[in-house]
Amino acid sequence: MTKIKIQQVKSSIKRPQNQKRTLEALGLRGIGQVVEHESTPSILGMIDKVKHLVSTQEA
């Protein structure tokens, strides 16, 4: 599988609890942090839930 880089670009303040937990599950704690994950359907689904808070690119 391919790897995908995820960077948080917006704050999770004043966001619903499920979006905060999704960011936490992805391993993102703050703006500017970058994490790398395998491009699995579950990860892609989590990215889709918070796509307005993160930016992605293939690694």
PDB file of N, CA and C in Angstrom:
ATOM      1  N   MET A   1       0.830  -1.185   0.000  1.00  0.00           N
ATOM      2  CA  MET A   1       0.000   0.000   0.000  1.00  0.00           C
ATOM      3  C   MET A   1       0.876   1.252   0.000  1.00  0.00           C
ATOM      4  N   THR A   2       0.293   2.323  -0.491  1.00  0.00           N
ATOM      5  CA  THR A   2       1.036   3.572  -0.518  1.00  0.00           C
ATOM      6  C   THR A   2       0.903   4.286   0.825  1.00  0.00           C
ATOM      7  N   LYS A   3       1.867   5.119   1.086  1.00  0.00           N
ATOM      8  CA  LYS A   3       1.848   5.929   2.309  1.00  0.00           C
ATOM      9  C   LYS A   3       1.229   7.278   1.974  1.00  0.00           C
ATOM     10  N   ILE A   4       0.605   7.880   2.984  1.00  0.00           N
ATOM     11  CA  ILE A   4      -0.002   9.190   2.817  1.00  0.00           C
ATOM     12  C   ILE A   4       0.433  10.078   3.984  1.00  0.00           C
ATOM     13  N   LYS A   5       0.819  11.317   3.675  1.00  0.00           N
ATOM     14  CA  LYS A   5       1.210  12.280   4.704  1.00  0.00           C
ATOM     15  C   LYS A   5       0.004  13.166   4.991  1.00  0.00           C
ATOM     16  N   ILE A   6      -0.270  13.345   6.279  1.00  0.00           N
ATOM     17  CA  ILE A   6      -1.399  14.151   6.708  1.00  0.00           C
ATOM     18  C   ILE A   6      -0.871  15.272   7.587  1.00  0.00           C
ATOM     19  N   GLN A   7      -1.250  16.516   7.270  1.00  0.00           N
ATOM     20  CA  GLN A   7      -0.815  17.665   8.062  1.00  0.00           C
ATOM     21  C   GLN A   7      -2.044  18.410   8.545  1.00  0.00           C
ATOM     22  N   GLN A   8      -2.078  18.723   9.838  1.00  0.00           N
ATOM     23  CA  GLN A   8      -3.180  19.502  10.382  1.00  0.00           C
ATOM     24  C   GLN A   8      -2.943  20.965  10.035  1.00  0.00           C
ATOM     25  N   VAL A   9      -3.945  21.604   9.408  1.00  0.00           N
ATOM     26  CA  VAL A   9      -3.791  22.992   8.993  1.00  0.00           C
ATOM     27  C   VAL A   9      -4.747  23.937   9.708  1.00  0.00           C
ATOM     28  N   LYS A  10      -5.759  23.387  10.392  1.00  0.00           N
ATOM     29  CA  LYS A  10      -6.685  24.221  11.164  1.00  0.00           C
ATOM     30  C   LYS A  10      -6.852  23.641  12.553  1.00  0.00           C
ATOM     31  N   SER A  11      -7.272  24.487  13.470  1.00  0.00           N
ATOM     32  CA  SER A  11      -7.416  24.103  14.872  1.00  0.00           C
ATOM     33  C   SER A  11      -8.648  23.227  15.082  1.00  0.00           C
ATOM     34  N   SER A  12      -8.597  22.420  16.133  1.00  0.00           N
ATOM     35  CA  SER A  12      -9.743  21.591  16.500  1.00  0.00           C
ATOM     36  C   SER A  12     -10.614  22.267  17.563  1.00  0.00           C
ATOM     37  N   ILE A  13     -10.259  23.487  17.938  1.00  0.00           N
ATOM     38  CA  ILE A  13     -11.060  24.229  18.909  1.00  0.00           C
ATOM     39  C   ILE A  13     -12.424  24.556  18.288  1.00  0.00           C
ATOM     40  N   LYS A  14     -13.466  24.423  19.080  1.00  0.00           N
ATOM     41  CA  LYS A  14     -14.853  24.669  18.657  1.00  0.00           C
ATOM     42  C   LYS A  14     -15.307  23.718  17.557  1.00  0.00           C
ATOM     43  N   ARG A  15     -14.769  22.527  17.550  1.00  0.00           N
ATOM     44  CA  ARG A  15     -15.191  21.485  16.617  1.00  0.00           C
ATOM     45  C   ARG A  15     -15.955  20.423  17.393  1.00  0.00           C
ATOM     46  N   PRO A  16     -16.834  19.676  16.726  1.00  0.00           N
ATOM     47  CA  PRO A  16     -17.553  18.598  17.432  1.00  0.00           C
ATOM     48  C   PRO A  16     -16.583  17.560  18.000  1.00  0.00           C
ATOM     49  N   GLN A  17     -17.020  16.892  19.051  1.00  0.00           N
ATOM     50  CA  GLN A  17     -16.167  15.935  19.755  1.00  0.00           C
ATOM     51  C   GLN A  17     -15.696  14.814  18.834  1.00  0.00           C
ATOM     52  N   ASN A  18     -16.550  14.369  17.892  1.00  0.00           N
ATOM     53  CA  ASN A  18     -16.137  13.271  17.011  1.00  0.00           C
ATOM     54  C   ASN A  18     -14.997  13.696  16.090  1.00  0.00           C
ATOM     55  N   GLN A  19     -14.957  14.958  15.678  1.00  0.00           N
ATOM     56  CA  GLN A  19     -13.853  15.426  14.845  1.00  0.00           C
ATOM     57  C   GLN A  19     -12.567  15.527  15.661  1.00  0.00           C
ATOM     58  N   LYS A  20     -12.665  15.963  16.904  1.00  0.00           N
ATOM     59  CA  LYS A  20     -11.486  16.029  17.774  1.00  0.00           C
ATOM     60  C   LYS A  20     -10.909  14.632  17.989  1.00  0.00           C
ATOM     61  N   ARG A  21     -11.786  13.659  18.209  1.00  0.00           N
ATOM     62  CA  ARG A  21     -11.330  12.295  18.436  1.00  0.00           C
ATOM     63  C   ARG A  21     -10.741  11.687  17.168  1.00  0.00           C
ATOM     64  N   THR A  22     -11.264  12.067  16.018  1.00  0.00           N
ATOM     65  CA  THR A  22     -10.719  11.563  14.757  1.00  0.00           C
ATOM     66  C   THR A  22      -9.300  12.087  14.549  1.00  0.00           C
ATOM     67  N   LEU A  23      -9.087  13.380  14.822  1.00  0.00           N
ATOM     68  CA  LEU A  23      -7.732  13.936  14.717  1.00  0.00           C
ATOM     69  C   LEU A  23      -6.786  13.237  15.678  1.00  0.00           C
ATOM     70  N   GLU A  24      -7.261  12.977  16.893  1.00  0.00           N
ATOM     71  CA  GLU A  24      -6.445  12.291  17.891  1.00  0.00           C
ATOM     72  C   GLU A  24      -6.111  10.869  17.437  1.00  0.00           C
ATOM     73  N   ALA A  25      -7.087  10.199  16.831  1.00  0.00           N
ATOM     74  CA  ALA A  25      -6.867   8.833  16.344  1.00  0.00           C
ATOM     75  C   ALA A  25      -5.860   8.809  15.192  1.00  0.00           C
ATOM     76  N   LEU A  26      -5.829   9.876  14.418  1.00  0.00           N
ATOM     77  CA  LEU A  26      -4.844   9.977  13.341  1.00  0.00           C
ATOM     78  C   LEU A  26      -3.458  10.316  13.886  1.00  0.00           C
ATOM     79  N   GLY A  27      -3.375  10.764  15.135  1.00  0.00           N
ATOM     80  CA  GLY A  27      -2.094  11.104  15.740  1.00  0.00           C
ATOM     81  C   GLY A  27      -1.757  12.576  15.636  1.00  0.00           C
ATOM     82  N   LEU A  28      -2.751  13.397  15.323  1.00  0.00           N
ATOM     83  CA  LEU A  28      -2.516  14.836  15.178  1.00  0.00           C
ATOM     84  C   LEU A  28      -2.899  15.549  16.466  1.00  0.00           C
ATOM     85  N   ARG A  29      -1.984  16.379  16.949  1.00  0.00           N
ATOM     86  CA  ARG A  29      -2.217  17.092  18.202  1.00  0.00           C
ATOM     87  C   ARG A  29      -2.262  18.600  18.029  1.00  0.00           C
ATOM     88  N   GLY A  30      -1.684  19.123  16.958  1.00  0.00           N
ATOM     89  CA  GLY A  30      -1.658  20.572  16.802  1.00  0.00           C
ATOM     90  C   GLY A  30      -1.431  20.987  15.369  1.00  0.00           C
ATOM     91  N   ILE A  31      -1.657  22.249  15.128  1.00  0.00           N
ATOM     92  CA  ILE A  31      -1.497  22.798  13.787  1.00  0.00           C
ATOM     93  C   ILE A  31      -0.038  22.656  13.353  1.00  0.00           C
ATOM     94  N   GLY A  32       0.152  22.222  12.122  1.00  0.00           N
ATOM     95  CA  GLY A  32       1.490  22.081  11.567  1.00  0.00           C
ATOM     96  C   GLY A  32       2.088  20.708  11.745  1.00  0.00           C
ATOM     97  N   GLN A  33       1.506  19.870  12.581  1.00  0.00           N
ATOM     98  CA  GLN A  33       2.049  18.539  12.803  1.00  0.00           C
ATOM     99  C   GLN A  33       1.751  17.650  11.598  1.00  0.00           C
ATOM    100  N   VAL A  34       2.727  16.835  11.232  1.00  0.00           N
ATOM    101  CA  VAL A  34       2.601  15.928  10.095  1.00  0.00           C
ATOM    102  C   VAL A  34       2.760  14.497  10.584  1.00  0.00           C
ATOM    103  N   VAL A  35       1.859  13.619  10.127  1.00  0.00           N
ATOM    104  CA  VAL A  35       1.959  12.196  10.424  1.00  0.00           C
ATOM    105  C   VAL A  35       1.878  11.430   9.110  1.00  0.00           C
ATOM    106  N   GLU A  36       2.387  10.209   9.126  1.00  0.00           N
ATOM    107  CA  GLU A  36       2.392   9.373   7.928  1.00  0.00           C
ATOM    108  C   GLU A  36       1.682   8.065   8.246  1.00  0.00           C
ATOM    109  N   HIS A  37       0.743   7.685   7.377  1.00  0.00           N
ATOM    110  CA  HIS A  37      -0.031   6.459   7.558  1.00  0.00           C
ATOM    111  C   HIS A  37      -0.093   5.699   6.245  1.00  0.00           C
ATOM    112  N   GLU A  38      -0.405   4.408   6.345  1.00  0.00           N
ATOM    113  CA  GLU A  38      -0.708   3.619   5.156  1.00  0.00           C
ATOM    114  C   GLU A  38      -2.054   4.092   4.606  1.00  0.00           C
ATOM    115  N   SER A  39      -2.214   4.016   3.313  1.00  0.00           N
ATOM    116  CA  SER A  39      -3.442   4.457   2.671  1.00  0.00           C
ATOM    117  C   SER A  39      -4.475   3.328   2.679  1.00  0.00           C
ATOM    118  N   THR A  40      -5.051   3.061   3.849  1.00  0.00           N
ATOM    119  CA  THR A  40      -6.066   2.018   3.990  1.00  0.00           C
ATOM    120  C   THR A  40      -7.456   2.659   3.962  1.00  0.00           C
ATOM    121  N   PRO A  41      -8.497   1.880   3.693  1.00  0.00           N
ATOM    122  CA  PRO A  41      -9.848   2.449   3.674  1.00  0.00           C
ATOM    123  C   PRO A  41     -10.250   3.117   4.989  1.00  0.00           C
ATOM    124  N   SER A  42      -9.828   2.566   6.121  1.00  0.00           N
ATOM    125  CA  SER A  42     -10.196   3.174   7.402  1.00  0.00           C
ATOM    126  C   SER A  42      -9.522   4.532   7.591  1.00  0.00           C
ATOM    127  N   ILE A  43      -8.255   4.628   7.222  1.00  0.00           N
ATOM    128  CA  ILE A  43      -7.536   5.910   7.330  1.00  0.00           C
ATOM    129  C   ILE A  43      -8.145   6.926   6.368  1.00  0.00           C
ATOM    130  N   LEU A  44      -8.450   6.512   5.153  1.00  0.00           N
ATOM    131  CA  LEU A  44      -9.053   7.424   4.175  1.00  0.00           C
ATOM    132  C   LEU A  44     -10.420   7.908   4.645  1.00  0.00           C
ATOM    133  N   GLY A  45     -11.171   7.057   5.340  1.00  0.00           N
ATOM    134  CA  GLY A  45     -12.454   7.467   5.894  1.00  0.00           C
ATOM    135  C   GLY A  45     -12.291   8.501   6.993  1.00  0.00           C
ATOM    136  N   MET A  46     -11.273   8.322   7.836  1.00  0.00           N
ATOM    137  CA  MET A  46     -11.011   9.302   8.886  1.00  0.00           C
ATOM    138  C   MET A  46     -10.585  10.634   8.290  1.00  0.00           C
ATOM    139  N   ILE A  47      -9.764  10.591   7.247  1.00  0.00           N
ATOM    140  CA  ILE A  47      -9.335  11.827   6.580  1.00  0.00           C
ATOM    141  C   ILE A  47     -10.538  12.540   5.987  1.00  0.00           C
ATOM    142  N   ASP A  48     -11.461  11.784   5.408  1.00  0.00           N
ATOM    143  CA  ASP A  48     -12.654  12.376   4.805  1.00  0.00           C
ATOM    144  C   ASP A  48     -13.506  13.091   5.847  1.00  0.00           C
ATOM    145  N   LYS A  49     -13.534  12.581   7.073  1.00  0.00           N
ATOM    146  CA  LYS A  49     -14.320  13.210   8.146  1.00  0.00           C
ATOM    147  C   LYS A  49     -13.759  14.560   8.559  1.00  0.00           C
ATOM    148  N   VAL A  50     -12.444  14.728   8.464  1.00  0.00           N
ATOM    149  CA  VAL A  50     -11.817  15.981   8.908  1.00  0.00           C
ATOM    150  C   VAL A  50     -11.064  16.661   7.762  1.00  0.00           C
ATOM    151  N   LYS A  51     -11.533  16.480   6.538  1.00  0.00           N
ATOM    152  CA  LYS A  51     -10.813  17.014   5.379  1.00  0.00           C
ATOM    153  C   LYS A  51     -10.701  18.527   5.386  1.00  0.00           C
ATOM    154  N   HIS A  52     -11.616  19.213   6.113  1.00  0.00           N
ATOM    155  CA  HIS A  52     -11.563  20.672   6.211  1.00  0.00           C
ATOM    156  C   HIS A  52     -10.517  21.143   7.228  1.00  0.00           C
ATOM    157  N   LEU A  53      -9.941  20.221   7.993  1.00  0.00           N
ATOM    158  CA  LEU A  53      -8.937  20.570   9.002  1.00  0.00           C
ATOM    159  C   LEU A  53      -7.535  20.112   8.638  1.00  0.00           C
ATOM    160  N   VAL A  54      -7.397  19.271   7.607  1.00  0.00           N
ATOM    161  CA  VAL A  54      -6.104  18.694   7.272  1.00  0.00           C
ATOM    162  C   VAL A  54      -5.805  18.859   5.783  1.00  0.00           C
ATOM    163  N   SER A  55      -4.534  18.714   5.449  1.00  0.00           N
ATOM    164  CA  SER A  55      -4.122  18.615   4.053  1.00  0.00           C
ATOM    165  C   SER A  55      -3.370  17.292   3.889  1.00  0.00           C
ATOM    166  N   THR A  56      -3.475  16.706   2.714  1.00  0.00           N
ATOM    167  CA  THR A  56      -2.867  15.396   2.499  1.00  0.00           C
ATOM    168  C   THR A  56      -2.009  15.421   1.237  1.00  0.00           C
ATOM    169  N   GLN A  57      -1.040  14.514   1.219  1.00  0.00           N
ATOM    170  CA  GLN A  57      -0.233  14.292   0.019  1.00  0.00           C
ATOM    171  C   GLN A  57       0.350  12.903   0.097  1.00  0.00           C
ATOM    172  N   GLU A  58       0.600  12.313  -1.050  1.00  0.00           N
ATOM    173  CA  GLU A  58       1.205  10.978  -1.058  1.00  0.00           C
ATOM    174  C   GLU A  58       2.676  11.083  -0.705  1.00  0.00           C
ATOM    175  N   ALA A  59       3.135  10.126   0.070  1.00  0.00           N
ATOM    176  CA  ALA A  59       4.521  10.152   0.531  1.00  0.00           C
ATOM    177  C   ALA A  59       5.398   9.328  -0.409  1.00  0.00           C
TER     178      ALA A  59
END
